[in-house]
Amino acid sequence: MSLQKSYPYLYRWAETYGTVEFGQLEETDGLVRCIDEGGTVFESPAKVKDLEAALKMAEEAIYEWFDVNDPDELDD
């Protein structure tokens, strides 16, 4: 399955608004971080179960960001 289908809002974020970092991040114990020109918008907590759980949390957080900041980007 593609990233775009699995995490559509993270995909849209990376294409239009900012950066999505994942893996062993510098200066943090988190696994996923979403950044825009103003700084960090989301960072997964250190005790998240695994990368998939961290990506799901990031997808939800970025969905909420779009809901507040750019609702026209939401499909539903």
Foldseek 3Di string as FASTA:
>chain_A
DDPCVVQVLQVVCCVPFFDWAADCDPPALFGIWTAGPVGTQDTHHNPQPDRVSSSVVVSVSSCVVCVPPPVVPDPD
